[in-house]
């Protein structure tokens, strides 16, 4: 039987998922899902964990430089609280993005 973190990592290998969906799918609180996600990000190895950055629904601002995995509370440009959450995926070894050393 796989651990919860391994099941989350497998789900992320299949598709891109946001934090709320992880919480629903595995029937855990979002705060707990965030803790597991942070561990998965460290354990899968460099270059395999991919985060699609959150973005503002109103002005389209993308939080590209954000490293934290949770959703920002509001947009720094327009102050809107309508933020699309970040989505996460674990790339397989075959499809992973090249690391900085490989470029």
PDB file of N, CA and C in Angstrom:
ATOM      1  N   UNK A   1       0.841  -1.193   0.000  1.00  0.00           N
ATOM      2  CA  UNK A   1       0.000   0.000   0.000  1.00  0.00           C
ATOM      3  C   UNK A   1       0.883   1.253   0.000  1.00  0.00           C
ATOM      4  N   UNK A   2       0.556   2.180  -0.873  1.00  0.00           N
ATOM      5  CA  UNK A   2       1.337   3.410  -1.008  1.00  0.00           C
ATOM      6  C   UNK A   2       0.979   4.412   0.092  1.00  0.00           C
ATOM      7  N   UNK A   3       1.969   5.206   0.479  1.00  0.00           N
ATOM      8  CA  UNK A   3       1.709   6.265   1.443  1.00  0.00           C
ATOM      9  C   UNK A   3       0.901   7.367   0.761  1.00  0.00           C
ATOM     10  N   UNK A   4       0.310   8.221   1.568  1.00  0.00           N
ATOM     11  CA  UNK A   4      -0.479   9.324   1.026  1.00  0.00           C
ATOM     12  C   UNK A   4       0.363  10.210   0.119  1.00  0.00           C
ATOM     13  N   UNK A   5       1.599  10.501   0.522  1.00  0.00           N
ATOM     14  CA  UNK A   5       2.463  11.349  -0.311  1.00  0.00           C
ATOM     15  C   UNK A   5       2.789  10.699  -1.640  1.00  0.00           C
ATOM     16  N   UNK A   6       2.994   9.397  -1.638  1.00  0.00           N
ATOM     17  CA  UNK A   6       3.266   8.701  -2.902  1.00  0.00           C
ATOM     18  C   UNK A   6       2.028   8.695  -3.783  1.00  0.00           C
ATOM     19  N   UNK A   7       0.844   8.571  -3.184  1.00  0.00           N
ATOM     20  CA  UNK A   7      -0.396   8.620  -3.970  1.00  0.00           C
ATOM     21  C   UNK A   7      -0.594  10.018  -4.564  1.00  0.00           C
ATOM     22  N   UNK A   8      -0.260  11.051  -3.793  1.00  0.00           N
ATOM     23  CA  UNK A   8      -0.357  12.422  -4.313  1.00  0.00           C
ATOM     24  C   UNK A   8       0.629  12.603  -5.464  1.00  0.00           C
ATOM     25  N   UNK A   9       1.855  12.122  -5.307  1.00  0.00           N
ATOM     26  CA  UNK A   9       2.871  12.238  -6.367  1.00  0.00           C
ATOM     27  C   UNK A   9       2.410  11.509  -7.629  1.00  0.00           C
ATOM     28  N   UNK A  10       1.815  10.335  -7.465  1.00  0.00           N
ATOM     29  CA  UNK A  10       1.312   9.593  -8.639  1.00  0.00           C
ATOM     30  C   UNK A  10       0.200  10.362  -9.331  1.00  0.00           C
ATOM     31  N   UNK A  11      -0.705  10.960  -8.560  1.00  0.00           N
ATOM     32  CA  UNK A  11      -1.791  11.750  -9.151  1.00  0.00           C
ATOM     33  C   UNK A  11      -1.218  12.941  -9.920  1.00  0.00           C
ATOM     34  N   UNK A  12      -0.167  13.548  -9.391  1.00  0.00           N
ATOM     35  CA  UNK A  12       0.465  14.689 -10.054  1.00  0.00           C
ATOM     36  C   UNK A  12       1.228  14.275 -11.305  1.00  0.00           C
ATOM     37  N   UNK A  13       1.634  13.019 -11.384  1.00  0.00           N
ATOM     38  CA  UNK A  13       2.287  12.535 -12.612  1.00  0.00           C
ATOM     39  C   UNK A  13       1.269  12.360 -13.725  1.00  0.00           C
ATOM     40  N   UNK A  14       0.024  12.085 -13.361  1.00  0.00           N
ATOM     41  CA  UNK A  14      -1.025  11.856 -14.360  1.00  0.00           C
ATOM     42  C   UNK A  14      -1.588  13.150 -14.931  1.00  0.00           C
ATOM     43  N   UNK A  15      -1.713  14.178 -14.078  1.00  0.00           N
ATOM     44  CA  UNK A  15      -2.333  15.423 -14.533  1.00  0.00           C
ATOM     45  C   UNK A  15      -1.937  16.594 -13.637  1.00  0.00           C
ATOM     46  N   UNK A  16      -2.226  17.783 -14.115  1.00  0.00           N
ATOM     47  CA  UNK A  16      -1.985  19.011 -13.365  1.00  0.00           C
ATOM     48  C   UNK A  16      -3.161  19.235 -12.410  1.00  0.00           C
ATOM     49  N   UNK A  17      -2.861  19.460 -11.111  1.00  0.00           N
ATOM     50  CA  UNK A  17      -3.909  19.552 -10.091  1.00  0.00           C
ATOM     51  C   UNK A  17      -3.618  20.752  -9.192  1.00  0.00           C
ATOM     52  N   UNK A  18      -4.682  21.436  -8.738  1.00  0.00           N
ATOM     53  CA  UNK A  18      -4.475  22.520  -7.773  1.00  0.00           C
ATOM     54  C   UNK A  18      -4.641  21.991  -6.353  1.00  0.00           C
ATOM     55  N   UNK A  19      -4.309  22.809  -5.394  1.00  0.00           N
ATOM     56  CA  UNK A  19      -4.304  22.412  -3.987  1.00  0.00           C
ATOM     57  C   UNK A  19      -5.692  21.986  -3.505  1.00  0.00           C
ATOM     58  N   UNK A  20      -6.710  22.704  -3.910  1.00  0.00           N
ATOM     59  CA  UNK A  20      -8.081  22.368  -3.489  1.00  0.00           C
ATOM     60  C   UNK A  20      -8.495  20.994  -4.018  1.00  0.00           C
ATOM     61  N   UNK A  21      -8.117  20.688  -5.247  1.00  0.00           N
ATOM     62  CA  UNK A  21      -8.448  19.383  -5.823  1.00  0.00           C
ATOM     63  C   UNK A  21      -7.710  18.263  -5.081  1.00  0.00           C
ATOM     64  N   UNK A  22      -6.462  18.490  -4.708  1.00  0.00           N
ATOM     65  CA  UNK A  22      -5.715  17.498  -3.920  1.00  0.00           C
ATOM     66  C   UNK A  22      -6.443  17.254  -2.604  1.00  0.00           C
ATOM     67  N   UNK A  23      -6.870  18.339  -1.973  1.00  0.00           N
ATOM     68  CA  UNK A  23      -7.594  18.255  -0.708  1.00  0.00           C
ATOM     69  C   UNK A  23      -8.872  17.426  -0.852  1.00  0.00           C
ATOM     70  N   UNK A  24      -9.631  17.700  -1.891  1.00  0.00           N
ATOM     71  CA  UNK A  24     -10.889  16.957  -2.126  1.00  0.00           C
ATOM     72  C   UNK A  24     -10.623  15.494  -2.469  1.00  0.00           C
ATOM     73  N   UNK A  25      -9.705  15.289  -3.370  1.00  0.00           N
ATOM     74  CA  UNK A  25      -9.453  13.934  -3.863  1.00  0.00           C
ATOM     75  C   UNK A  25      -8.970  12.990  -2.766  1.00  0.00           C
ATOM     76  N   UNK A  26      -8.143  13.504  -1.860  1.00  0.00           N
ATOM     77  CA  UNK A  26      -7.573  12.656  -0.818  1.00  0.00           C
ATOM     78  C   UNK A  26      -8.236  12.851   0.546  1.00  0.00           C
ATOM     79  N   UNK A  27      -9.309  13.654   0.551  1.00  0.00           N
ATOM     80  CA  UNK A  27     -10.116  13.877   1.758  1.00  0.00           C
ATOM     81  C   UNK A  27      -9.288  14.331   2.958  1.00  0.00           C
ATOM     82  N   UNK A  28      -8.494  15.374   2.708  1.00  0.00           N
ATOM     83  CA  UNK A  28      -7.686  15.978   3.771  1.00  0.00           C
ATOM     84  C   UNK A  28      -7.886  17.491   3.718  1.00  0.00           C
ATOM     85  N   UNK A  29      -7.554  18.187   4.805  1.00  0.00           N
ATOM     86  CA  UNK A  29      -7.661  19.647   4.833  1.00  0.00           C
ATOM     87  C   UNK A  29      -6.636  20.250   3.866  1.00  0.00           C
ATOM     88  N   UNK A  30      -6.938  21.437   3.355  1.00  0.00           N
ATOM     89  CA  UNK A  30      -6.012  22.096   2.428  1.00  0.00           C
ATOM     90  C   UNK A  30      -4.660  22.362   3.074  1.00  0.00           C
ATOM     91  N   UNK A  31      -4.660  22.720   4.350  1.00  0.00           N
ATOM     92  CA  UNK A  31      -3.399  22.971   5.053  1.00  0.00           C
ATOM     93  C   UNK A  31      -2.554  21.695   5.086  1.00  0.00           C
ATOM     94  N   UNK A  32      -3.184  20.561   5.331  1.00  0.00           N
ATOM     95  CA  UNK A  32      -2.472  19.285   5.347  1.00  0.00           C
ATOM     96  C   UNK A  32      -2.001  18.926   3.938  1.00  0.00           C
ATOM     97  N   UNK A  33      -2.838  19.191   2.940  1.00  0.00           N
ATOM     98  CA  UNK A  33      -2.457  18.930   1.548  1.00  0.00           C
ATOM     99  C   UNK A  33      -1.243  19.771   1.161  1.00  0.00           C
ATOM    100  N   UNK A  34      -1.197  21.019   1.633  1.00  0.00           N
ATOM    101  CA  UNK A  34      -0.067  21.900   1.347  1.00  0.00           C
ATOM    102  C   UNK A  34       1.223  21.333   1.942  1.00  0.00           C
ATOM    103  N   UNK A  35       1.155  20.824   3.160  1.00  0.00           N
ATOM    104  CA  UNK A  35       2.329  20.231   3.802  1.00  0.00           C
ATOM    105  C   UNK A  35       2.830  19.013   3.016  1.00  0.00           C
ATOM    106  N   UNK A  36       1.897  18.158   2.588  1.00  0.00           N
ATOM    107  CA  UNK A  36       2.285  16.990   1.797  1.00  0.00           C
ATOM    108  C   UNK A  36       2.870  17.419   0.451  1.00  0.00           C
ATOM    109  N   UNK A  37       2.277  18.426  -0.160  1.00  0.00           N
ATOM    110  CA  UNK A  37       2.739  18.912  -1.461  1.00  0.00           C
ATOM    111  C   UNK A  37       4.153  19.473  -1.363  1.00  0.00           C
ATOM    112  N   UNK A  38       4.448  20.199  -0.288  1.00  0.00           N
ATOM    113  CA  UNK A  38       5.791  20.728  -0.100  1.00  0.00           C
ATOM    114  C   UNK A  38       6.810  19.592   0.008  1.00  0.00           C
ATOM    115  N   UNK A  39       6.440  18.535   0.682  1.00  0.00           N
ATOM    116  CA  UNK A  39       7.346  17.389   0.817  1.00  0.00           C
ATOM    117  C   UNK A  39       7.522  16.684  -0.525  1.00  0.00           C
ATOM    118  N   UNK A  40       6.435  16.519  -1.261  1.00  0.00           N
ATOM    119  CA  UNK A  40       6.507  15.881  -2.584  1.00  0.00           C
ATOM    120  C   UNK A  40       7.427  16.687  -3.497  1.00  0.00           C
ATOM    121  N   UNK A  41       7.309  18.012  -3.453  1.00  0.00           N
ATOM    122  CA  UNK A  41       8.139  18.882  -4.297  1.00  0.00           C
ATOM    123  C   UNK A  41       9.623  18.659  -4.022  1.00  0.00           C
ATOM    124  N   UNK A  42       9.981  18.470  -2.748  1.00  0.00           N
ATOM    125  CA  UNK A  42      11.384  18.234  -2.398  1.00  0.00           C
ATOM    126  C   UNK A  42      11.834  16.822  -2.760  1.00  0.00           C
ATOM    127  N   UNK A  43      10.946  15.853  -2.619  1.00  0.00           N
ATOM    128  CA  UNK A  43      11.359  14.457  -2.752  1.00  0.00           C
ATOM    129  C   UNK A  43      11.399  13.942  -4.193  1.00  0.00           C
ATOM    130  N   UNK A  44      10.687  14.564  -5.134  1.00  0.00           N
ATOM    131  CA  UNK A  44      10.672  14.038  -6.503  1.00  0.00           C
ATOM    132  C   UNK A  44      11.953  14.345  -7.269  1.00  0.00           C
ATOM    133  N   UNK A  45      12.722  15.287  -6.787  1.00  0.00           N
ATOM    134  CA  UNK A  45      13.985  15.601  -7.449  1.00  0.00           C
ATOM    135  C   UNK A  45      13.907  16.883  -8.241  1.00  0.00           C
ATOM    136  N   UNK A  46      15.060  17.473  -8.499  1.00  0.00           N
ATOM    137  CA  UNK A  46      15.099  18.765  -9.197  1.00  0.00           C
ATOM    138  C   UNK A  46      14.586  18.672 -10.630  1.00  0.00           C
ATOM    139  N   UNK A  47      13.811  19.661 -11.015  1.00  0.00           N
ATOM    140  CA  UNK A  47      13.321  19.741 -12.383  1.00  0.00           C
ATOM    141  C   UNK A  47      12.064  18.940 -12.680  1.00  0.00           C
ATOM    142  N   UNK A  48      11.645  18.085 -11.763  1.00  0.00           N
ATOM    143  CA  UNK A  48      10.461  17.261 -12.030  1.00  0.00           C
ATOM    144  C   UNK A  48       9.176  17.893 -11.503  1.00  0.00           C
ATOM    145  N   UNK A  49       9.256  18.663 -10.425  1.00  0.00           N
ATOM    146  CA  UNK A  49       8.074  19.298  -9.861  1.00  0.00           C
ATOM    147  C   UNK A  49       7.845  20.616 -10.575  1.00  0.00           C
ATOM    148  N   UNK A  50       6.681  20.763 -11.188  1.00  0.00           N
ATOM    149  CA  UNK A  50       6.373  21.949 -11.983  1.00  0.00           C
ATOM    150  C   UNK A  50       5.150  22.647 -11.389  1.00  0.00           C
ATOM    151  N   UNK A  51       5.268  23.968 -11.224  1.00  0.00           N
ATOM    152  CA  UNK A  51       4.137  24.750 -10.734  1.00  0.00           C
ATOM    153  C   UNK A  51       3.720  25.734 -11.817  1.00  0.00           C
ATOM    154  N   UNK A  52       2.459  25.655 -12.214  1.00  0.00           N
ATOM    155  CA  UNK A  52       1.881  26.668 -13.103  1.00  0.00           C
ATOM    156  C   UNK A  52       1.486  27.819 -12.181  1.00  0.00           C
ATOM    157  N   UNK A  53       2.057  28.991 -12.355  1.00  0.00           N
ATOM    158  CA  UNK A  53       1.859  30.059 -11.372  1.00  0.00           C
ATOM    159  C   UNK A  53       0.418  30.545 -11.275  1.00  0.00           C
ATOM    160  N   UNK A  54       0.041  31.037 -10.103  1.00  0.00           N
ATOM    161  CA  UNK A  54      -1.295  31.631  -9.955  1.00  0.00           C
ATOM    162  C   UNK A  54      -1.388  32.901 -10.795  1.00  0.00           C
ATOM    163  N   UNK A  55      -2.621  33.295 -11.119  1.00  0.00           N
ATOM    164  CA  UNK A  55      -2.810  34.516 -11.906  1.00  0.00           C
ATOM    165  C   UNK A  55      -4.090  35.220 -11.471  1.00  0.00           C
ATOM    166  N   UNK A  56      -4.136  36.518 -11.740  1.00  0.00           N
ATOM    167  CA  UNK A  56      -5.293  37.341 -11.380  1.00  0.00           C
ATOM    168  C   UNK A  56      -6.374  37.187 -12.452  1.00  0.00           C
ATOM    169  N   UNK A  57      -7.599  36.946 -12.016  1.00  0.00           N
ATOM    170  CA  UNK A  57      -8.716  36.845 -12.959  1.00  0.00           C
ATOM    171  C   UNK A  57      -9.061  38.196 -13.578  1.00  0.00           C
ATOM    172  N   UNK A  58      -8.834  39.273 -12.842  1.00  0.00           N
ATOM    173  CA  UNK A  58      -9.258  40.592 -13.309  1.00  0.00           C
ATOM    174  C   UNK A  58      -8.272  41.245 -14.277  1.00  0.00           C
ATOM    175  N   UNK A  59      -6.990  41.297 -13.909  1.00  0.00           N
ATOM    176  CA  UNK A  59      -6.030  42.014 -14.763  1.00  0.00           C
ATOM    177  C   UNK A  59      -5.070  41.066 -15.495  1.00  0.00           C
ATOM    178  N   UNK A  60      -5.061  39.786 -15.137  1.00  0.00           N
ATOM    179  CA  UNK A  60      -4.212  38.821 -15.822  1.00  0.00           C
ATOM    180  C   UNK A  60      -2.791  38.719 -15.293  1.00  0.00           C
ATOM    181  N   UNK A  61      -2.476  39.447 -14.217  1.00  0.00           N
ATOM    182  CA  UNK A  61      -1.130  39.389 -13.641  1.00  0.00           C
ATOM    183  C   UNK A  61      -0.787  37.945 -13.282  1.00  0.00           C
ATOM    184  N   UNK A  62       0.412  37.514 -13.655  1.00  0.00           N
ATOM    185  CA  UNK A  62       0.882  36.162 -13.350  1.00  0.00           C
ATOM    186  C   UNK A  62       1.982  36.238 -12.296  1.00  0.00           C
ATOM    187  N   UNK A  63       1.849  35.425 -11.265  1.00  0.00           N
ATOM    188  CA  UNK A  63       2.808  35.398 -10.162  1.00  0.00           C
ATOM    189  C   UNK A  63       3.968  34.461 -10.519  1.00  0.00           C
ATOM    190  N   UNK A  64       4.689  34.757 -11.592  1.00  0.00           N
ATOM    191  CA  UNK A  64       5.729  33.870 -12.122  1.00  0.00           C
ATOM    192  C   UNK A  64       6.901  33.656 -11.174  1.00  0.00           C
ATOM    193  N   UNK A  65       7.252  34.660 -10.389  1.00  0.00           N
ATOM    194  CA  UNK A  65       8.416  34.533  -9.505  1.00  0.00           C
ATOM    195  C   UNK A  65       8.069  33.939  -8.145  1.00  0.00           C
ATOM    196  N   UNK A  66       6.814  33.679  -7.890  1.00  0.00           N
ATOM    197  CA  UNK A  66       6.375  33.166  -6.596  1.00  0.00           C
ATOM    198  C   UNK A  66       6.837  31.731  -6.414  1.00  0.00           C
ATOM    199  N   UNK A  67       7.454  31.458  -5.281  1.00  0.00           N
ATOM    200  CA  UNK A  67       7.926  30.111  -4.986  1.00  0.00           C
ATOM    201  C   UNK A  67       7.031  29.392  -3.987  1.00  0.00           C
ATOM    202  N   UNK A  68       6.272  30.152  -3.181  1.00  0.00           N
ATOM    203  CA  UNK A  68       5.373  29.523  -2.218  1.00  0.00           C
ATOM    204  C   UNK A  68       4.264  28.801  -2.965  1.00  0.00           C
ATOM    205  N   UNK A  69       3.812  27.687  -2.418  1.00  0.00           N
ATOM    206  CA  UNK A  69       2.869  26.827  -3.120  1.00  0.00           C
ATOM    207  C   UNK A  69       1.403  27.186  -2.886  1.00  0.00           C
ATOM    208  N   UNK A  70       1.127  28.022  -1.896  1.00  0.00           N
ATOM    209  CA  UNK A  70      -0.271  28.373  -1.650  1.00  0.00           C
ATOM    210  C   UNK A  70      -0.717  29.506  -2.567  1.00  0.00           C
ATOM    211  N   UNK A  71      -2.026  29.778  -2.593  1.00  0.00           N
ATOM    212  CA  UNK A  71      -2.584  30.815  -3.448  1.00  0.00           C
ATOM    213  C   UNK A  71      -2.429  32.173  -2.782  1.00  0.00           C
ATOM    214  N   UNK A  72      -1.957  33.185  -3.510  1.00  0.00           N
ATOM    215  CA  UNK A  72      -1.841  34.528  -2.928  1.00  0.00           C
ATOM    216  C   UNK A  72      -3.232  35.064  -2.564  1.00  0.00           C
ATOM    217  N   UNK A  73      -3.293  35.958  -1.602  1.00  0.00           N
ATOM    218  CA  UNK A  73      -4.591  36.474  -1.167  1.00  0.00           C
ATOM    219  C   UNK A  73      -5.156  37.532  -2.113  1.00  0.00           C
ATOM    220  N   UNK A  74      -4.269  38.316  -2.736  1.00  0.00           N
ATOM    221  CA  UNK A  74      -4.749  39.316  -3.682  1.00  0.00           C
ATOM    222  C   UNK A  74      -3.656  39.736  -4.650  1.00  0.00           C
ATOM    223  N   UNK A  75      -4.077  40.370  -5.719  1.00  0.00           N
ATOM    224  CA  UNK A  75      -3.173  40.810  -6.779  1.00  0.00           C
ATOM    225  C   UNK A  75      -2.420  42.066  -6.342  1.00  0.00           C
ATOM    226  N   UNK A  76      -1.103  42.123  -6.555  1.00  0.00           N
ATOM    227  CA  UNK A  76      -0.354  43.323  -6.180  1.00  0.00           C
ATOM    228  C   UNK A  76      -0.620  44.519  -7.099  1.00  0.00           C
ATOM    229  N   UNK A  77      -1.153  44.273  -8.296  1.00  0.00           N
ATOM    230  CA  UNK A  77      -1.418  45.375  -9.227  1.00  0.00           C
ATOM    231  C   UNK A  77      -2.792  45.993  -9.031  1.00  0.00           C
ATOM    232  N   UNK A  78      -3.834  45.170  -9.140  1.00  0.00           N
ATOM    233  CA  UNK A  78      -5.203  45.708  -9.096  1.00  0.00           C
ATOM    234  C   UNK A  78      -5.899  45.467  -7.760  1.00  0.00           C
ATOM    235  N   UNK A  79      -5.253  44.735  -6.849  1.00  0.00           N
ATOM    236  CA  UNK A  79      -5.770  44.436  -5.505  1.00  0.00           C
ATOM    237  C   UNK A  79      -6.981  43.507  -5.498  1.00  0.00           C
ATOM    238  N   UNK A  80      -7.271  42.903  -6.633  1.00  0.00           N
ATOM    239  CA  UNK A  80      -8.382  41.955  -6.710  1.00  0.00           C
ATOM    240  C   UNK A  80      -8.067  40.700  -5.897  1.00  0.00           C
ATOM    241  N   UNK A  81      -9.092  40.095  -5.338  1.00  0.00           N
ATOM    242  CA  UNK A  81      -8.927  38.845  -4.598  1.00  0.00           C
ATOM    243  C   UNK A  81      -9.337  37.635  -5.439  1.00  0.00           C
ATOM    244  N   UNK A  82      -9.677  37.882  -6.707  1.00  0.00           N
ATOM    245  CA  UNK A  82     -10.069  36.809  -7.622  1.00  0.00           C
ATOM    246  C   UNK A  82      -8.809  36.238  -8.269  1.00  0.00           C
ATOM    247  N   UNK A  83      -8.201  35.271  -7.595  1.00  0.00           N
ATOM    248  CA  UNK A  83      -6.927  34.708  -8.037  1.00  0.00           C
ATOM    249  C   UNK A  83      -7.112  33.248  -8.429  1.00  0.00           C
ATOM    250  N   UNK A  84      -6.638  32.897  -9.627  1.00  0.00           N
ATOM    251  CA  UNK A  84      -6.607  31.488 -10.023  1.00  0.00           C
ATOM    252  C   UNK A  84      -5.494  30.808  -9.240  1.00  0.00           C
ATOM    253  N   UNK A  85      -5.768  29.688  -8.592  1.00  0.00           N
ATOM    254  CA  UNK A  85      -4.732  29.033  -7.786  1.00  0.00           C
ATOM    255  C   UNK A  85      -3.649  28.409  -8.659  1.00  0.00           C
ATOM    256  N   UNK A  86      -2.473  28.203  -8.087  1.00  0.00           N
ATOM    257  CA  UNK A  86      -1.420  27.517  -8.846  1.00  0.00           C
ATOM    258  C   UNK A  86      -1.806  26.064  -9.078  1.00  0.00           C
ATOM    259  N   UNK A  87      -1.302  25.506 -10.156  1.00  0.00           N
ATOM    260  CA  UNK A  87      -1.531  24.089 -10.459  1.00  0.00           C
ATOM    261  C   UNK A  87      -0.166  23.406 -10.442  1.00  0.00           C
ATOM    262  N   UNK A  88      -0.177  22.155 -10.057  1.00  0.00           N
ATOM    263  CA  UNK A  88       1.067  21.425  -9.854  1.00  0.00           C
ATOM    264  C   UNK A  88       1.085  20.152 -10.669  1.00  0.00           C
ATOM    265  N   UNK A  89       2.286  19.744 -11.074  1.00  0.00           N
ATOM    266  CA  UNK A  89       2.449  18.491 -11.799  1.00  0.00           C
ATOM    267  C   UNK A  89       3.856  17.967 -11.559  1.00  0.00           C
ATOM    268  N   UNK A  90       3.970  16.647 -11.547  1.00  0.00           N
ATOM    269  CA  UNK A  90       5.265  15.988 -11.467  1.00  0.00           C
ATOM    270  C   UNK A  90       5.532  15.400 -12.841  1.00  0.00           C
ATOM    271  N   UNK A  91       6.606  15.853 -13.461  1.00  0.00           N
ATOM    272  CA  UNK A  91       6.960  15.373 -14.790  1.00  0.00           C
ATOM    273  C   UNK A  91       7.685  14.035 -14.670  1.00  0.00           C
ATOM    274  N   UNK A  92       7.390  13.140 -15.585  1.00  0.00           N
ATOM    275  CA  UNK A  92       8.106  11.865 -15.589  1.00  0.00           C
ATOM    276  C   UNK A  92       9.544  12.132 -16.043  1.00  0.00           C
ATOM    277  N   UNK A  93      10.418  11.182 -15.827  1.00  0.00           N
ATOM    278  CA  UNK A  93      11.818  11.369 -16.218  1.00  0.00           C
ATOM    279  C   UNK A  93      11.942  11.615 -17.717  1.00  0.00           C
ATOM    280  N   UNK A  94      11.079  11.006 -18.509  1.00  0.00           N
ATOM    281  CA  UNK A  94      11.159  11.129 -19.963  1.00  0.00           C
ATOM    282  C   UNK A  94      10.727  12.513 -20.449  1.00  0.00           C
ATOM    283  N   UNK A  95       9.739  13.164 -19.750  1.00  0.00           N
ATOM    284  CA  UNK A  95       9.233  14.431 -20.234  1.00  0.00           C
ATOM    285  C   UNK A  95       9.658  15.626 -19.402  1.00  0.00           C
ATOM    286  N   UNK A  96      10.565  15.441 -18.476  1.00  0.00           N
ATOM    287  CA  UNK A  96      10.923  16.535 -17.582  1.00  0.00           C
ATOM    288  C   UNK A  96      11.604  17.669 -18.341  1.00  0.00           C
ATOM    289  N   UNK A  97      11.462  18.860 -17.813  1.00  0.00           N
ATOM    290  CA  UNK A  97      12.108  20.029 -18.399  1.00  0.00           C
ATOM    291  C   UNK A  97      13.602  19.959 -18.116  1.00  0.00           C
ATOM    292  N   UNK A  98      14.434  20.461 -19.036  1.00  0.00           N
ATOM    293  CA  UNK A  98      15.878  20.436 -18.787  1.00  0.00           C
ATOM    294  C   UNK A  98      16.246  21.317 -17.602  1.00  0.00           C
ATOM    295  N   UNK A  99      17.196  20.876 -16.823  1.00  0.00           N
ATOM    296  CA  UNK A  99      17.645  21.664 -15.674  1.00  0.00           C
ATOM    297  C   UNK A  99      18.527  22.801 -16.165  1.00  0.00           C
ATOM    298  N   UNK A 100      18.879  23.721 -15.265  1.00  0.00           N
ATOM    299  CA  UNK A 100      19.729  24.858 -15.632  1.00  0.00           C
ATOM    300  C   UNK A 100      21.092  24.392 -16.138  1.00  0.00           C
ATOM    301  N   UNK A 101      21.582  23.279 -15.578  1.00  0.00           N
ATOM    302  CA  UNK A 101      22.895  22.749 -15.985  1.00  0.00           C
ATOM    303  C   UNK A 101      22.864  22.165 -17.398  1.00  0.00           C
ATOM    304  N   UNK A 102      21.689  21.684 -17.819  1.00  0.00           N
ATOM    305  CA  UNK A 102      21.578  21.020 -19.128  1.00  0.00           C
ATOM    306  C   UNK A 102      21.356  21.999 -20.263  1.00  0.00           C
ATOM    307  N   UNK A 103      21.015  23.259 -19.960  1.00  0.00           N
ATOM    308  CA  UNK A 103      20.703  24.240 -21.017  1.00  0.00           C
ATOM    309  C   UNK A 103      21.960  24.758 -21.666  1.00  0.00           C
TER     310      UNK A 103
END
